[in-house]
Protein backbone atom coordinates (compact mmCIF):
# COMPACT_ATOMS: atom_id res chain seq x y z
CA UNK A 1 6.06 14.91 -7.21
CA UNK A 2 6.41 11.52 -9.18
CA UNK A 3 8.02 11.34 -12.40
CA UNK A 4 6.00 10.49 -15.37
CA UNK A 5 6.76 6.99 -15.69
CA UNK A 6 7.34 4.27 -13.24
CA UNK A 7 8.45 1.15 -12.75
CA UNK A 8 5.94 -1.85 -11.92
CA UNK A 9 6.28 -4.30 -9.47
CA UNK A 10 2.94 -6.22 -9.38
CA UNK A 11 2.31 -8.86 -6.71
CA UNK A 12 -0.66 -10.60 -5.87
CA UNK A 13 -1.01 -10.31 -1.98
CA UNK A 14 0.86 -6.65 -1.37
CA UNK A 15 -0.87 -3.50 -1.51
CA UNK A 16 1.30 -0.40 -0.52
CA UNK A 17 -0.16 2.82 1.27
CA UNK A 18 1.69 6.43 1.72
CA UNK A 19 4.10 6.83 4.55
CA UNK A 20 4.10 2.72 5.67
CA UNK A 21 7.24 0.93 5.29
CA UNK A 22 7.47 -2.28 3.12
CA UNK A 23 10.17 -5.05 3.30
CA UNK A 24 10.74 -6.78 0.15
CA UNK A 25 12.69 -9.66 -1.43
CA UNK A 26 13.39 -9.38 -5.02
CA UNK A 27 14.46 -12.97 -6.52
CA UNK A 28 13.10 -12.80 -10.32
CA UNK A 29 15.75 -11.97 -12.85
CA UNK A 30 13.34 -9.04 -14.34
CA UNK A 31 13.00 -7.40 -11.13
CA UNK A 32 16.23 -7.64 -10.22
CA UNK A 33 17.21 -5.77 -13.17
CA UNK A 34 14.14 -3.36 -12.47
CA UNK A 35 15.66 -2.63 -8.68
CA UNK A 36 19.29 -2.14 -10.10
CA UNK A 37 17.82 0.35 -12.53
CA UNK A 38 15.62 2.20 -9.94
CA UNK A 39 19.01 2.17 -7.45
CA UNK A 40 20.74 4.20 -10.13
CA UNK A 41 18.22 6.15 -10.87
CA UNK A 42 15.33 7.89 -8.92
CA UNK A 43 14.91 4.49 -6.68
CA UNK A 44 11.23 4.71 -7.14
CA UNK A 45 9.19 1.42 -7.74
CA UNK A 46 5.09 1.37 -8.22
CA UNK A 47 3.67 -1.55 -6.35
CA UNK A 48 0.51 -2.57 -8.10
CA UNK A 49 -1.89 -5.22 -7.31
CA UNK A 50 -2.46 -8.33 -9.40
CA UNK A 51 -6.14 -9.39 -10.68
CA UNK A 52 -7.34 -12.25 -10.07
CA UNK A 53 -6.26 -14.92 -12.51
CA UNK A 54 -3.15 -13.89 -12.99
CA UNK A 55 -1.53 -17.46 -12.74
CA UNK A 56 -2.14 -18.26 -16.42
CA UNK A 57 0.30 -15.47 -17.32
CA UNK A 58 2.38 -14.65 -14.65
CA UNK A 59 5.49 -14.60 -16.32
CA UNK A 60 3.82 -12.28 -18.97
CA UNK A 61 1.90 -9.00 -18.36
CA UNK A 62 -1.30 -10.10 -16.42
CA UNK A 63 -3.63 -7.46 -15.46
CA UNK A 64 -3.20 -5.20 -12.52
CA UNK A 65 -5.68 -2.88 -10.69
CA UNK A 66 -4.93 0.46 -12.21
CA UNK A 67 -4.42 2.32 -8.92
CA UNK A 68 -1.00 1.79 -7.27
CA UNK A 69 1.35 3.43 -5.04
CA UNK A 70 4.85 4.56 -5.55
CA UNK A 71 7.76 3.36 -2.98
CA UNK A 72 10.97 4.69 -2.24
CA UNK A 73 13.76 2.46 -1.85
CA UNK A 74 14.94 3.68 1.63
CA UNK A 75 17.29 0.41 2.04
CA UNK A 76 18.87 -1.99 -0.02
CA UNK A 77 21.08 -4.96 0.14
CA UNK A 78 22.38 -6.97 -2.93
CA UNK A 79 23.01 -10.52 -1.97
CA UNK A 80 26.11 -12.69 -3.85
CA UNK A 81 23.67 -13.99 -5.98
CA UNK A 82 21.98 -11.01 -7.51
CA UNK A 83 19.16 -11.11 -5.42
CA UNK A 84 17.92 -8.04 -3.39
CA UNK A 85 16.49 -7.05 0.07
CA UNK A 86 14.81 -3.61 -0.14
CA UNK A 87 12.59 -1.71 2.06
CA UNK A 88 10.58 0.89 0.47
CA UNK A 89 8.35 3.74 1.83
CA UNK A 90 5.07 4.44 0.26
CA UNK A 91 5.43 7.92 -1.19
CA UNK A 92 1.97 8.74 -3.15
CA UNK A 93 -0.92 7.04 -5.16
CA UNK A 94 -1.16 6.67 -8.57
CA UNK A 95 -3.10 5.51 -11.77
CA UNK A 96 -2.07 3.79 -14.45
CA UNK A 97 -2.39 5.26 -18.22
CA UNK A 98 0.01 3.13 -20.49
CA UNK A 99 2.58 0.89 -20.37
CA UNK A 100 5.78 0.50 -22.15
CA UNK A 101 6.40 -2.75 -23.38
CA UNK A 102 9.70 -2.45 -24.66
CA UNK A 103 11.44 -3.36 -21.48
CA UNK A 104 11.94 -6.94 -19.69
CA UNK A 105 10.06 -5.50 -16.63
CA UNK A 106 7.04 -3.61 -16.53
CA UNK A 107 6.92 0.26 -16.70
CA UNK A 108 3.78 2.46 -16.86
CA UNK A 109 2.86 6.27 -17.65
CA UNK A 110 0.89 7.44 -14.48
CA UNK A 111 -1.07 10.38 -13.56
CA UNK A 112 -0.27 11.16 -9.78
CA UNK A 113 -3.59 11.07 -7.58
CA UNK A 114 -2.28 13.03 -4.19
CA UNK A 115 -1.45 16.49 -5.20
CA UNK A 116 -4.32 18.09 -3.50
CA UNK A 117 -3.98 19.45 0.37
CA UNK A 118 -6.81 18.50 2.69
CA UNK A 119 -8.84 21.68 4.05
CA UNK A 120 -9.51 22.43 7.41
CA UNK A 121 -13.01 20.63 7.44
CA UNK A 122 -11.64 17.48 5.76
CA UNK A 123 -9.08 17.74 8.74
CA UNK A 124 -11.45 17.86 11.43
CA UNK A 125 -13.59 15.04 9.87
CA UNK A 126 -10.56 12.88 9.58
CA UNK A 127 -9.64 13.39 13.31
CA UNK A 128 -13.19 12.22 14.25
CA UNK A 129 -12.79 8.97 12.21
CA UNK A 130 -9.47 8.66 13.61
CA UNK A 131 -11.43 8.37 17.16
CA UNK A 132 -13.90 5.88 15.81
CA UNK A 133 -11.09 3.44 14.31
CA UNK A 134 -9.04 3.60 17.65
CA UNK A 135 -12.94 3.13 19.61
CA UNK A 136 -13.24 -0.14 17.19
CA UNK A 137 -9.58 -0.99 17.37
CA UNK A 138 -9.35 -1.32 21.76
CA UNK A 139 -11.45 -4.51 22.16
CA UNK A 140 -10.18 -6.01 18.87
CA UNK A 141 -6.76 -5.44 20.70
CA UNK A 142 -7.40 -6.48 23.89
CA UNK A 143 -9.20 -9.84 22.82
CA UNK A 144 -5.98 -10.36 21.61
CA UNK A 145 -4.48 -9.93 24.82
CA UNK A 146 -2.60 -6.72 24.10
CA UNK A 147 -3.10 -3.13 24.57
CA UNK A 148 -3.69 -0.42 22.31
CA UNK A 149 -0.99 2.10 22.37
CA UNK A 150 -1.06 4.92 19.14
CA UNK A 151 1.68 7.19 19.78
CA UNK A 152 -0.17 10.77 20.42
CA UNK A 153 2.36 11.97 17.56
CA UNK A 154 1.72 10.12 14.90
CA UNK A 155 0.09 11.72 11.86
CA UNK A 156 -3.86 11.11 10.99
CA UNK A 157 -2.71 10.17 7.53
CA UNK A 158 0.12 7.99 8.97
CA UNK A 159 -2.46 5.70 11.37
CA UNK A 160 -4.98 5.30 8.87
CA UNK A 161 -2.57 3.99 6.37
CA UNK A 162 -0.58 1.83 8.70
CA UNK A 163 -3.93 0.08 9.78
CA UNK A 164 -4.87 -0.02 6.01
CA UNK A 165 -1.86 -1.98 5.31
CA UNK A 166 -0.92 -3.97 8.32
CA UNK A 167 -4.48 -5.01 9.72
CA UNK A 168 -5.80 -8.76 8.33
CA UNK A 169 -7.58 -7.72 5.28
CA UNK A 170 -8.23 -9.20 2.04
CA UNK A 171 -5.85 -7.75 -0.62
CA UNK A 172 -9.06 -6.65 -2.75
CA UNK A 173 -10.07 -5.05 0.41
CA UNK A 174 -7.21 -2.90 0.82
CA UNK A 175 -7.06 -2.32 -2.91
CA UNK A 176 -10.36 -0.79 -2.44
CA UNK A 177 -9.20 1.43 0.52
CA UNK A 178 -6.29 2.61 -1.61
CA UNK A 179 -8.59 3.37 -4.54
CA UNK A 180 -10.50 5.70 -1.80
CA UNK A 181 -9.78 9.51 -3.38
CA UNK A 182 -9.59 11.20 -0.36
CA UNK A 183 -8.30 10.80 3.36
CA UNK A 184 -11.49 11.01 4.55
CA UNK A 185 -13.17 8.31 2.22
CA UNK A 186 -10.30 5.91 3.20
CA UNK A 187 -10.82 6.36 6.94
CA UNK A 188 -14.18 6.13 6.81
CA UNK A 189 -14.31 3.25 4.68
CA UNK A 190 -11.99 1.75 6.84
CA UNK A 191 -14.09 2.30 9.63
CA UNK A 192 -17.19 0.77 8.28
CA UNK A 193 -15.02 -2.45 7.09
CA UNK A 194 -13.94 -2.86 10.65
CA UNK A 195 -17.17 -2.40 12.08
CA UNK A 196 -18.61 -5.01 9.52
CA UNK A 197 -16.13 -7.19 10.59
CA UNK A 198 -16.40 -6.94 13.98
CA UNK A 199 -20.46 -7.66 13.82
CA UNK A 200 -19.75 -10.65 11.61
CA UNK A 201 -16.76 -11.94 13.48
CA UNK A 202 -17.55 -11.53 16.74
CA UNK A 203 -13.96 -12.60 17.84
CA UNK A 204 -10.28 -12.68 16.63
CA UNK A 205 -7.85 -9.75 16.68
CA UNK A 206 -8.20 -8.45 13.25
CA UNK A 207 -4.37 -7.95 13.00
CA UNK A 208 -1.81 -9.78 10.52
CA UNK A 209 0.60 -11.90 12.41
């Protein structure tokens, strides 16, 4: 269960998904302070995507998309000059309700979005969509000279979220996937997106390097 408020770490090209790990290098003073405070507290940081045009007010509080994902700091290394190397594990999606303007870094009042447990029908639908995703991915991986090897024990949610985060998609495409209300919708949207890219591109691995 997420707390009612959470620090925000806005970036222009990173979208975090539940269950997925994300390494980060923290160097700006305000986010060093954020990291230090998080490490002394519940170790949670809310990752959010900056909206286009952020450059004009990057040092301030430029607009962000309202849906983000909280990450738990699972590893932290403080460097001698005060910078940090950390690893976040995605925990749960949230929606920003309001922002606290009193800190040097951004803090938001949030609404958790992932409380509902999928029913049997949703689980069955996701399994069908997982099979579709694996069929779509196989030729992409083979074109890149590899072989698709998905661990059978990997849960449907973990696979879908890992693909959404690690495939070579535009940040706004990843944000749209994150904003899908359910895992069924996210898996379906991801499969449709991969199908469209396969039809339009005709070649390429589709994976981030």
